Amino acid sequence: MHNAQPWRFRYVRQTRTFELYADFERAMPYSDSRARGLHIGCGAALLNLRVAAAHDGWHA
């Protein structure tokens, strides 16, 4: 929603995993008061990360 990109990725080297966190500081409380758009955006970001990882030969 409005390209707010309300997520953060973190790569954990020891386990070779990515973590996805919602970034509520980038949320839009007036136009998305229930954070539905934030959750949908996080899901889309996760899907794009999985596609990029698969393209590079990683297993999701």
Protein backbone atom coordinates (compact mmCIF):
# COMPACT_ATOMS: atom_id res chain seq x y z
CA MET A 1 0.00 0.00 0.00
CA HIS A 2 1.61 3.22 -1.16
CA ASN A 3 4.92 1.31 -1.47
CA ALA A 4 5.62 1.65 2.26
CA GLN A 5 7.58 -1.65 2.31
CA PRO A 6 6.66 -2.42 5.94
CA TRP A 7 8.99 -5.36 6.45
CA ARG A 8 12.51 -6.20 7.49
CA PHE A 9 14.57 -9.20 6.48
CA ARG A 10 17.30 -10.68 8.64
CA TYR A 11 19.73 -13.37 7.53
CA VAL A 12 20.97 -15.70 10.27
CA ARG A 13 24.31 -17.04 9.15
CA GLN A 14 24.54 -19.90 11.69
CA THR A 15 21.30 -21.52 10.51
CA ARG A 16 21.40 -20.14 6.95
CA THR A 17 17.85 -18.86 7.29
CA PHE A 18 16.04 -15.63 6.57
CA GLU A 19 13.64 -14.06 9.04
CA LEU A 20 10.89 -11.67 8.05
CA TYR A 21 9.59 -9.06 10.48
CA ALA A 22 6.74 -6.60 10.10
CA ASP A 23 8.05 -3.05 10.53
CA PHE A 24 5.23 -1.22 12.27
CA GLU A 25 7.14 2.07 12.08
CA ARG A 26 6.42 1.99 8.33
CA ALA A 27 2.77 1.08 8.83
CA MET A 28 0.03 3.42 7.69
CA PRO A 29 -2.35 3.59 10.68
CA TYR A 30 -4.86 5.96 9.09
CA SER A 31 -5.34 4.30 5.71
CA ASP A 32 -4.67 0.75 6.99
CA SER A 33 -5.96 0.82 10.55
CA ARG A 34 -6.24 -2.97 10.86
CA ALA A 35 -2.78 -3.60 9.32
CA ARG A 36 -4.28 -5.76 6.59
CA GLY A 37 -2.18 -4.10 3.89
CA LEU A 38 0.92 -4.50 6.05
CA HIS A 39 0.33 -8.25 6.34
CA ILE A 40 -0.40 -8.64 2.64
CA GLY A 41 2.77 -6.69 1.82
CA CYS A 42 4.83 -8.92 4.11
CA GLY A 43 3.38 -12.00 2.41
CA ALA A 44 4.24 -10.61 -1.02
CA ALA A 45 7.79 -9.80 0.12
CA LEU A 46 8.18 -13.34 1.48
CA LEU A 47 6.95 -14.84 -1.79
CA ASN A 48 9.41 -12.71 -3.77
CA LEU A 49 12.23 -13.76 -1.45
CA ARG A 50 11.33 -17.44 -1.94
CA VAL A 51 11.26 -17.04 -5.73
CA ALA A 52 14.65 -15.28 -5.70
CA ALA A 53 16.12 -17.96 -3.41
CA ALA A 54 14.81 -20.77 -5.63
CA HIS A 55 16.25 -19.03 -8.68
CA ASP A 56 19.67 -19.08 -6.99
CA GLY A 57 19.35 -22.78 -6.16
CA TRP A 58 18.30 -22.50 -2.51
CA HIS A 59 15.51 -24.66 -1.10
CA ALA A 60 12.66 -22.91 0.65
